[in-house]
Amino acid sequence: MEKQKIYLETTLFNHYFDDDRGLAHESTVMLFKEIAVEKYEAFTSDYVVDELRKAPADKYQKMMGLLNEYSITVLGMSDEAEKLADLYVADGIMPQRYRTDGLHIAIATVNDLDMIISMNFQHIVRRKTKLATGNINALNGYRAIEIFNPMEVVENENNH
């Protein structure tokens, strides 16, 4: 079976180092371990890197280190993704001020990835977002992309 291609949204890089987040932290670290053993092919984007730059310098360096440590491919920004994100905003799926959240979904979509993994429950990991972006994607010649949080995808003693 072909490895699934996953997009790691900004929140995962934060949760990897925030060990006071319980299961969310543990599941995020487990996801990175599954990437290390090549269960998934992992991607992120320049949109994520831009968001990570807002962190304190020492944390930023640690988060950027994960890219090399886990061989995560960084996708460049694209006009195609920008246009798709604008459609999400125009359709009311994402508020304009959170357009970057739409850009995460759009860049994963235009690069034909299988799923987005995120801990952003406000705008990304929501039923409404999954359904509405799937509809917009289909209307524009793309397939719907699956959106999950790490707890839903990692293998642990409770969910295999």
N, C-alpha and C. Protein backbone atom coordinates (compact mmCIF):
# COMPACT_ATOMS: atom_id res chain seq x y z
N MET A 1 0.84 -1.19 0.00
CA MET A 1 0.00 0.00 0.00
C MET A 1 0.88 1.25 0.00
N GLU A 2 0.48 2.22 -0.78
CA GLU A 2 1.24 3.47 -0.87
C GLU A 2 1.09 4.25 0.43
N LYS A 3 2.21 4.85 0.85
CA LYS A 3 2.18 5.68 2.07
C LYS A 3 1.25 6.86 1.89
N GLN A 4 0.50 7.16 2.94
CA GLN A 4 -0.36 8.34 2.87
C GLN A 4 0.50 9.59 3.02
N LYS A 5 0.12 10.60 2.26
CA LYS A 5 0.82 11.88 2.30
C LYS A 5 0.04 12.80 3.23
N ILE A 6 0.71 13.23 4.29
CA ILE A 6 0.04 14.05 5.30
C ILE A 6 0.66 15.44 5.37
N TYR A 7 -0.20 16.39 5.68
CA TYR A 7 0.21 17.79 5.85
C TYR A 7 0.18 18.11 7.33
N LEU A 8 1.29 18.57 7.86
CA LEU A 8 1.40 18.94 9.26
C LEU A 8 1.17 20.44 9.40
N GLU A 9 0.06 20.79 10.02
CA GLU A 9 -0.31 22.19 10.22
C GLU A 9 0.48 22.74 11.42
N THR A 10 0.56 24.04 11.52
CA THR A 10 1.38 24.76 12.49
C THR A 10 1.25 24.26 13.92
N THR A 11 0.03 23.98 14.35
CA THR A 11 -0.21 23.60 15.75
C THR A 11 0.57 22.36 16.16
N LEU A 12 0.86 21.47 15.23
CA LEU A 12 1.58 20.24 15.60
C LEU A 12 3.00 20.52 16.04
N PHE A 13 3.63 21.49 15.42
CA PHE A 13 5.00 21.83 15.79
C PHE A 13 5.04 22.40 17.21
N ASN A 14 4.00 23.15 17.57
CA ASN A 14 3.89 23.66 18.94
C ASN A 14 3.60 22.53 19.93
N HIS A 15 2.64 21.68 19.60
CA HIS A 15 2.25 20.60 20.51
C HIS A 15 3.39 19.60 20.75
N TYR A 16 4.27 19.47 19.77
CA TYR A 16 5.40 18.54 19.92
C TYR A 16 6.23 18.92 21.15
N PHE A 17 6.37 20.21 21.38
CA PHE A 17 7.22 20.67 22.49
C PHE A 17 6.43 21.08 23.73
N ASP A 18 5.13 21.18 23.64
CA ASP A 18 4.31 21.57 24.80
C ASP A 18 3.87 20.33 25.57
N ASP A 19 4.75 19.85 26.45
CA ASP A 19 4.48 18.60 27.13
C ASP A 19 3.45 18.72 28.26
N ASP A 20 2.88 19.91 28.43
CA ASP A 20 1.82 20.08 29.42
C ASP A 20 0.44 19.89 28.79
N ARG A 21 0.39 19.39 27.57
CA ARG A 21 -0.88 19.23 26.86
C ARG A 21 -1.39 17.79 26.86
N GLY A 22 -0.85 16.94 27.71
CA GLY A 22 -1.38 15.59 27.89
C GLY A 22 -1.43 14.77 26.62
N LEU A 23 -2.62 14.21 26.37
CA LEU A 23 -2.81 13.31 25.23
C LEU A 23 -2.51 14.00 23.89
N ALA A 24 -2.81 15.28 23.79
CA ALA A 24 -2.53 16.01 22.54
C ALA A 24 -1.02 16.01 22.26
N HIS A 25 -0.22 16.26 23.29
CA HIS A 25 1.25 16.22 23.14
C HIS A 25 1.71 14.80 22.82
N GLU A 26 1.25 13.84 23.60
CA GLU A 26 1.67 12.45 23.41
C GLU A 26 1.33 11.95 22.01
N SER A 27 0.14 12.26 21.53
CA SER A 27 -0.29 11.82 20.21
C SER A 27 0.51 12.51 19.10
N THR A 28 0.84 13.77 19.32
CA THR A 28 1.64 14.51 18.34
C THR A 28 3.03 13.90 18.25
N VAL A 29 3.66 13.62 19.38
CA VAL A 29 4.99 13.00 19.38
C VAL A 29 4.91 11.62 18.71
N MET A 30 3.85 10.87 19.01
CA MET A 30 3.67 9.55 18.39
C MET A 30 3.53 9.68 16.87
N LEU A 31 2.83 10.70 16.41
CA LEU A 31 2.69 10.92 14.97
C LEU A 31 4.06 11.15 14.33
N PHE A 32 4.89 11.96 14.97
CA PHE A 32 6.23 12.19 14.45
C PHE A 32 7.05 10.90 14.44
N LYS A 33 6.85 10.06 15.45
CA LYS A 33 7.55 8.75 15.47
C LYS A 33 7.08 7.88 14.31
N GLU A 34 5.79 7.94 14.00
CA GLU A 34 5.26 7.16 12.87
C GLU A 34 5.82 7.70 11.54
N ILE A 35 6.04 9.00 11.48
CA ILE A 35 6.68 9.59 10.30
C ILE A 35 8.13 9.08 10.20
N ALA A 36 8.80 9.00 11.34
CA ALA A 36 10.20 8.55 11.36
C ALA A 36 10.35 7.13 10.83
N VAL A 37 9.36 6.28 11.09
CA VAL A 37 9.43 4.90 10.61
C VAL A 37 8.73 4.75 9.25
N GLU A 38 8.50 5.89 8.62
CA GLU A 38 7.98 5.97 7.26
C GLU A 38 6.59 5.39 7.09
N LYS A 39 5.76 5.50 8.13
CA LYS A 39 4.35 5.12 7.97
C LYS A 39 3.65 6.14 7.08
N TYR A 40 4.09 7.40 7.18
CA TYR A 40 3.53 8.50 6.39
C TYR A 40 4.64 9.23 5.66
N GLU A 41 4.28 9.89 4.58
CA GLU A 41 5.16 10.84 3.93
C GLU A 41 4.67 12.21 4.38
N ALA A 42 5.51 12.96 5.08
CA ALA A 42 5.07 14.20 5.73
C ALA A 42 5.46 15.44 4.95
N PHE A 43 4.53 16.38 4.93
CA PHE A 43 4.70 17.67 4.27
C PHE A 43 4.24 18.78 5.21
N THR A 44 4.77 19.94 5.00
CA THR A 44 4.26 21.16 5.60
C THR A 44 4.45 22.23 4.54
N SER A 45 4.39 23.50 4.90
CA SER A 45 4.50 24.52 3.86
C SER A 45 5.20 25.78 4.37
N ASP A 46 5.51 26.63 3.43
CA ASP A 46 6.07 27.94 3.78
C ASP A 46 5.07 28.75 4.62
N TYR A 47 3.78 28.46 4.48
CA TYR A 47 2.78 29.15 5.31
C TYR A 47 2.99 28.79 6.79
N VAL A 48 3.31 27.53 7.05
CA VAL A 48 3.60 27.08 8.42
C VAL A 48 4.89 27.73 8.91
N VAL A 49 5.92 27.70 8.08
CA VAL A 49 7.21 28.28 8.47
C VAL A 49 7.02 29.75 8.84
N ASP A 50 6.22 30.47 8.07
CA ASP A 50 5.94 31.88 8.41
C ASP A 50 5.29 32.01 9.78
N GLU A 51 4.36 31.13 10.08
CA GLU A 51 3.70 31.18 11.39
C GLU A 51 4.66 30.81 12.52
N LEU A 52 5.53 29.85 12.26
CA LEU A 52 6.49 29.43 13.29
C LEU A 52 7.47 30.55 13.64
N ARG A 53 7.74 31.42 12.67
CA ARG A 53 8.66 32.55 12.91
C ARG A 53 8.18 33.46 14.03
N LYS A 54 6.89 33.41 14.35
CA LYS A 54 6.33 34.28 15.40
C LYS A 54 6.67 33.77 16.80
N ALA A 55 7.18 32.55 16.90
CA ALA A 55 7.54 31.97 18.19
C ALA A 55 8.85 32.58 18.69
N PRO A 56 9.11 32.48 20.00
CA PRO A 56 10.42 32.92 20.51
C PRO A 56 11.54 32.18 19.77
N ALA A 57 12.67 32.86 19.60
CA ALA A 57 13.77 32.34 18.77
C ALA A 57 14.19 30.91 19.12
N ASP A 58 14.31 30.60 20.42
CA ASP A 58 14.76 29.25 20.78
C ASP A 58 13.73 28.20 20.40
N LYS A 59 12.45 28.49 20.60
CA LYS A 59 11.41 27.53 20.23
C LYS A 59 11.31 27.41 18.71
N TYR A 60 11.44 28.53 18.03
CA TYR A 60 11.42 28.52 16.57
C TYR A 60 12.50 27.59 16.03
N GLN A 61 13.71 27.71 16.57
CA GLN A 61 14.82 26.85 16.12
C GLN A 61 14.51 25.37 16.36
N LYS A 62 13.95 25.06 17.52
CA LYS A 62 13.58 23.67 17.83
C LYS A 62 12.52 23.16 16.86
N MET A 63 11.50 23.98 16.61
CA MET A 63 10.42 23.56 15.70
C MET A 63 10.95 23.38 14.29
N MET A 64 11.82 24.27 13.85
CA MET A 64 12.41 24.14 12.51
C MET A 64 13.30 22.89 12.44
N GLY A 65 13.92 22.54 13.56
CA GLY A 65 14.74 21.34 13.60
C GLY A 65 13.96 20.07 13.29
N LEU A 66 12.67 20.09 13.61
CA LEU A 66 11.82 18.93 13.32
C LEU A 66 11.74 18.65 11.82
N LEU A 67 11.82 19.70 11.01
CA LEU A 67 11.75 19.52 9.56
C LEU A 67 12.87 18.62 9.07
N ASN A 68 14.08 18.88 9.54
CA ASN A 68 15.23 18.05 9.13
C ASN A 68 15.20 16.69 9.81
N GLU A 69 14.93 16.71 11.12
CA GLU A 69 14.96 15.46 11.88
C GLU A 69 14.01 14.41 11.32
N TYR A 70 12.85 14.86 10.83
CA TYR A 70 11.83 13.93 10.34
C TYR A 70 11.67 13.98 8.82
N SER A 71 12.61 14.61 8.12
CA SER A 71 12.59 14.69 6.65
C SER A 71 11.23 15.15 6.12
N ILE A 72 10.75 16.26 6.67
CA ILE A 72 9.46 16.81 6.26
C ILE A 72 9.67 17.74 5.07
N THR A 73 8.96 17.50 4.01
CA THR A 73 9.04 18.32 2.80
C THR A 73 8.26 19.61 3.01
N VAL A 74 8.89 20.73 2.69
CA VAL A 74 8.22 22.03 2.81
C VAL A 74 7.74 22.46 1.42
N LEU A 75 6.42 22.58 1.29
CA LEU A 75 5.82 23.00 0.03
C LEU A 75 5.85 24.52 -0.06
N GLY A 76 6.17 25.02 -1.22
CA GLY A 76 6.22 26.46 -1.44
C GLY A 76 4.82 27.05 -1.55
N MET A 77 4.75 28.35 -1.38
CA MET A 77 3.49 29.06 -1.56
C MET A 77 3.11 28.97 -3.04
N SER A 78 1.80 29.03 -3.32
CA SER A 78 1.40 28.96 -4.72
C SER A 78 0.18 29.82 -4.98
N ASP A 79 0.12 30.37 -6.20
CA ASP A 79 -1.04 31.17 -6.61
C ASP A 79 -2.30 30.31 -6.59
N GLU A 80 -2.15 29.05 -6.99
CA GLU A 80 -3.28 28.13 -7.02
C GLU A 80 -3.88 27.95 -5.62
N ALA A 81 -3.01 27.78 -4.62
CA ALA A 81 -3.48 27.63 -3.23
C ALA A 81 -4.09 28.94 -2.74
N GLU A 82 -3.48 30.06 -3.11
CA GLU A 82 -4.00 31.37 -2.69
C GLU A 82 -5.42 31.57 -3.21
N LYS A 83 -5.65 31.22 -4.47
CA LYS A 83 -6.99 31.36 -5.06
C LYS A 83 -8.00 30.46 -4.37
N LEU A 84 -7.60 29.23 -4.07
CA LEU A 84 -8.50 28.29 -3.41
C LEU A 84 -8.83 28.78 -1.99
N ALA A 85 -7.84 29.27 -1.28
CA ALA A 85 -8.08 29.82 0.06
C ALA A 85 -9.02 31.01 0.00
N ASP A 86 -8.89 31.83 -1.04
CA ASP A 86 -9.79 32.97 -1.20
C ASP A 86 -11.23 32.50 -1.41
N LEU A 87 -11.40 31.37 -2.09
CA LEU A 87 -12.75 30.81 -2.26
C LEU A 87 -13.32 30.36 -0.91
N TYR A 88 -12.47 29.78 -0.06
CA TYR A 88 -12.93 29.38 1.28
C TYR A 88 -13.40 30.60 2.06
N VAL A 89 -12.65 31.69 1.96
CA VAL A 89 -13.02 32.92 2.66
C VAL A 89 -14.31 33.49 2.07
N ALA A 90 -14.38 33.55 0.75
CA ALA A 90 -15.56 34.12 0.08
C ALA A 90 -16.82 33.32 0.41
N ASP A 91 -16.66 32.03 0.62
CA ASP A 91 -17.80 31.16 0.94
C ASP A 91 -18.15 31.18 2.43
N GLY A 92 -17.36 31.92 3.23
CA GLY A 92 -17.64 32.02 4.66
C GLY A 92 -17.13 30.86 5.49
N ILE A 93 -16.30 30.01 4.90
CA ILE A 93 -15.75 28.88 5.64
C ILE A 93 -14.68 29.36 6.62
N MET A 94 -13.86 30.30 6.16
CA MET A 94 -12.80 30.88 6.99
C MET A 94 -13.01 32.39 7.06
N PRO A 95 -12.89 32.96 8.25
CA PRO A 95 -12.91 34.42 8.31
C PRO A 95 -11.65 34.97 7.64
N GLN A 96 -11.73 36.13 7.03
CA GLN A 96 -10.59 36.72 6.33
C GLN A 96 -9.36 36.80 7.23
N ARG A 97 -9.55 37.14 8.50
CA ARG A 97 -8.36 37.29 9.35
C ARG A 97 -7.69 35.96 9.68
N TYR A 98 -8.37 34.84 9.39
CA TYR A 98 -7.78 33.51 9.58
C TYR A 98 -7.58 32.81 8.23
N ARG A 99 -7.35 33.61 7.21
CA ARG A 99 -7.16 33.08 5.86
C ARG A 99 -6.02 32.06 5.81
N THR A 100 -5.01 32.25 6.65
CA THR A 100 -3.89 31.31 6.67
C THR A 100 -4.37 29.89 6.99
N ASP A 101 -5.38 29.75 7.82
CA ASP A 101 -5.93 28.42 8.10
C ASP A 101 -6.48 27.81 6.81
N GLY A 102 -7.12 28.64 6.00
CA GLY A 102 -7.59 28.17 4.70
C GLY A 102 -6.44 27.84 3.76
N LEU A 103 -5.36 28.60 3.87
CA LEU A 103 -4.18 28.32 3.05
C LEU A 103 -3.59 26.95 3.35
N HIS A 104 -3.64 26.53 4.61
CA HIS A 104 -3.13 25.19 4.96
C HIS A 104 -3.93 24.12 4.22
N ILE A 105 -5.24 24.26 4.25
CA ILE A 105 -6.10 23.29 3.56
C ILE A 105 -5.87 23.36 2.05
N ALA A 106 -5.78 24.58 1.54
CA ALA A 106 -5.62 24.77 0.10
C ALA A 106 -4.28 24.22 -0.42
N ILE A 107 -3.20 24.47 0.29
CA ILE A 107 -1.90 24.01 -0.20
C ILE A 107 -1.82 22.49 -0.17
N ALA A 108 -2.43 21.88 0.85
CA ALA A 108 -2.48 20.42 0.90
C ALA A 108 -3.35 19.88 -0.24
N THR A 109 -4.44 20.58 -0.53
CA THR A 109 -5.35 20.16 -1.60
C THR A 109 -4.69 20.23 -2.96
N VAL A 110 -4.09 21.37 -3.29
CA VAL A 110 -3.52 21.54 -4.64
C VAL A 110 -2.30 20.65 -4.86
N ASN A 111 -1.69 20.19 -3.76
CA ASN A 111 -0.56 19.27 -3.87
C ASN A 111 -1.00 17.81 -3.76
N ASP A 112 -2.32 17.59 -3.77
CA ASP A 112 -2.92 16.25 -3.79
C ASP A 112 -2.47 15.37 -2.62
N LEU A 113 -2.39 15.98 -1.43
CA LEU A 113 -2.06 15.20 -0.24
C LEU A 113 -3.32 14.49 0.24
N ASP A 114 -3.14 13.49 1.10
CA ASP A 114 -4.28 12.69 1.55
C ASP A 114 -5.01 13.28 2.74
N MET A 115 -4.25 13.87 3.67
CA MET A 115 -4.90 14.42 4.85
C MET A 115 -4.09 15.52 5.50
N ILE A 116 -4.80 16.33 6.26
CA ILE A 116 -4.20 17.38 7.07
C ILE A 116 -4.33 16.93 8.52
N ILE A 117 -3.24 17.08 9.27
CA ILE A 117 -3.28 16.79 10.70
C ILE A 117 -3.09 18.12 11.42
N SER A 118 -3.99 18.44 12.32
CA SER A 118 -3.99 19.74 12.98
C SER A 118 -4.60 19.62 14.37
N MET A 119 -4.21 20.55 15.22
CA MET A 119 -4.85 20.70 16.53
C MET A 119 -5.62 22.02 16.57
N ASN A 120 -5.88 22.62 15.42
CA ASN A 120 -6.64 23.86 15.33
C ASN A 120 -8.13 23.49 15.23
N PHE A 121 -8.79 23.47 16.39
CA PHE A 121 -10.20 23.09 16.43
C PHE A 121 -11.12 24.28 16.17
N GLN A 122 -10.56 25.47 16.11
CA GLN A 122 -11.38 26.65 15.89
C GLN A 122 -11.78 26.79 14.41
N HIS A 123 -10.82 26.53 13.50
CA HIS A 123 -11.10 26.75 12.09
C HIS A 123 -10.81 25.58 11.16
N ILE A 124 -10.02 24.60 11.59
CA ILE A 124 -9.61 23.54 10.67
C ILE A 124 -10.26 22.19 11.00
N VAL A 125 -10.05 21.69 12.19
CA VAL A 125 -10.57 20.37 12.56
C VAL A 125 -12.01 20.54 13.07
N ARG A 126 -12.90 20.80 12.12
CA ARG A 126 -14.32 21.01 12.43
C ARG A 126 -15.15 20.36 11.33
N ARG A 127 -16.26 19.81 11.69
CA ARG A 127 -17.13 19.17 10.71
C ARG A 127 -17.50 20.15 9.59
N LYS A 128 -17.90 21.37 9.96
CA LYS A 128 -18.29 22.38 8.98
C LYS A 128 -17.16 22.63 7.98
N THR A 129 -15.95 22.77 8.48
CA THR A 129 -14.80 23.03 7.60
C THR A 129 -14.55 21.85 6.67
N LYS A 130 -14.60 20.64 7.22
CA LYS A 130 -14.36 19.45 6.39
C LYS A 130 -15.37 19.37 5.26
N LEU A 131 -16.65 19.54 5.57
CA LEU A 131 -17.70 19.43 4.55
C LEU A 131 -17.61 20.57 3.54
N ALA A 132 -17.49 21.80 4.03
CA ALA A 132 -17.51 22.96 3.14
C ALA A 132 -16.28 23.02 2.23
N THR A 133 -15.09 22.75 2.77
CA THR A 133 -13.90 22.77 1.91
C THR A 133 -13.97 21.62 0.91
N GLY A 134 -14.51 20.49 1.33
CA GLY A 134 -14.69 19.36 0.41
C GLY A 134 -15.57 19.74 -0.77
N ASN A 135 -16.66 20.47 -0.48
CA ASN A 135 -17.57 20.92 -1.54
C ASN A 135 -16.88 21.91 -2.48
N ILE A 136 -16.20 22.90 -1.91
CA ILE A 136 -15.47 23.89 -2.73
C ILE A 136 -14.41 23.18 -3.58
N ASN A 137 -13.70 22.25 -2.97
CA ASN A 137 -12.66 21.52 -3.71
C ASN A 137 -13.28 20.79 -4.91
N ALA A 138 -14.39 20.08 -4.66
CA ALA A 138 -15.03 19.31 -5.72
C ALA A 138 -15.51 20.23 -6.85
N LEU A 139 -16.07 21.37 -6.49
CA LEU A 139 -16.55 22.32 -7.51
C LEU A 139 -15.42 22.90 -8.34
N ASN A 140 -14.20 22.81 -7.83
CA ASN A 140 -13.04 23.39 -8.52
C ASN A 140 -12.07 22.34 -9.03
N GLY A 141 -12.54 21.11 -9.13
CA GLY A 141 -11.74 20.06 -9.76
C GLY A 141 -10.73 19.36 -8.86
N TYR A 142 -10.88 19.54 -7.55
CA TYR A 142 -9.99 18.86 -6.59
C TYR A 142 -10.79 17.85 -5.80
N ARG A 143 -10.08 16.94 -5.16
CA ARG A 143 -10.80 16.03 -4.27
C ARG A 143 -10.83 16.62 -2.86
N ALA A 144 -11.80 16.16 -2.10
CA ALA A 144 -11.87 16.58 -0.69
C ALA A 144 -10.67 16.02 0.03
N ILE A 145 -10.17 16.77 0.96
CA ILE A 145 -9.01 16.30 1.75
C ILE A 145 -9.50 15.94 3.14
N GLU A 146 -8.98 14.87 3.68
CA GLU A 146 -9.36 14.47 5.03
C GLU A 146 -8.65 15.37 6.04
N ILE A 147 -9.35 15.69 7.11
CA ILE A 147 -8.81 16.55 8.15
C ILE A 147 -9.00 15.85 9.49
N PHE A 148 -7.89 15.66 10.21
CA PHE A 148 -7.92 14.95 11.49
C PHE A 148 -7.03 15.64 12.51
N ASN A 149 -7.21 15.27 13.76
CA ASN A 149 -6.25 15.63 14.80
C ASN A 149 -5.38 14.39 15.03
N PRO A 150 -4.22 14.54 15.66
CA PRO A 150 -3.31 13.39 15.82
C PRO A 150 -3.92 12.23 16.60
N MET A 151 -4.79 12.52 17.56
CA MET A 151 -5.38 11.45 18.36
C MET A 151 -6.20 10.50 17.49
N GLU A 152 -6.69 10.99 16.36
CA GLU A 152 -7.52 10.17 15.48
C GLU A 152 -6.70 9.26 14.56
N VAL A 153 -5.43 9.57 14.38
CA VAL A 153 -4.66 8.80 13.38
C VAL A 153 -3.54 7.95 13.94
N VAL A 154 -3.01 8.29 15.11
CA VAL A 154 -1.86 7.51 15.61
C VAL A 154 -2.32 6.16 16.15
N GLU A 155 -1.41 5.22 16.07
CA GLU A 155 -1.67 3.91 16.64
C GLU A 155 -1.23 3.91 18.10
N ASN A 156 -2.14 3.54 18.95
CA ASN A 156 -1.76 3.34 20.35
C ASN A 156 -2.57 2.18 20.90
N GLU A 157 -2.33 1.82 22.13
CA GLU A 157 -2.98 0.64 22.68
C GLU A 157 -4.50 0.76 22.72
N ASN A 158 -5.02 1.98 22.58
CA ASN A 158 -6.47 2.15 22.66
C ASN A 158 -7.17 2.13 21.32
N ASN A 159 -6.43 2.24 20.20
CA ASN A 159 -7.15 2.36 18.92
C ASN A 159 -6.59 1.55 17.77
N HIS A 160 -5.96 0.40 18.01
CA HIS A 160 -5.50 -0.34 16.84
C HIS A 160 -6.44 -1.42 16.54
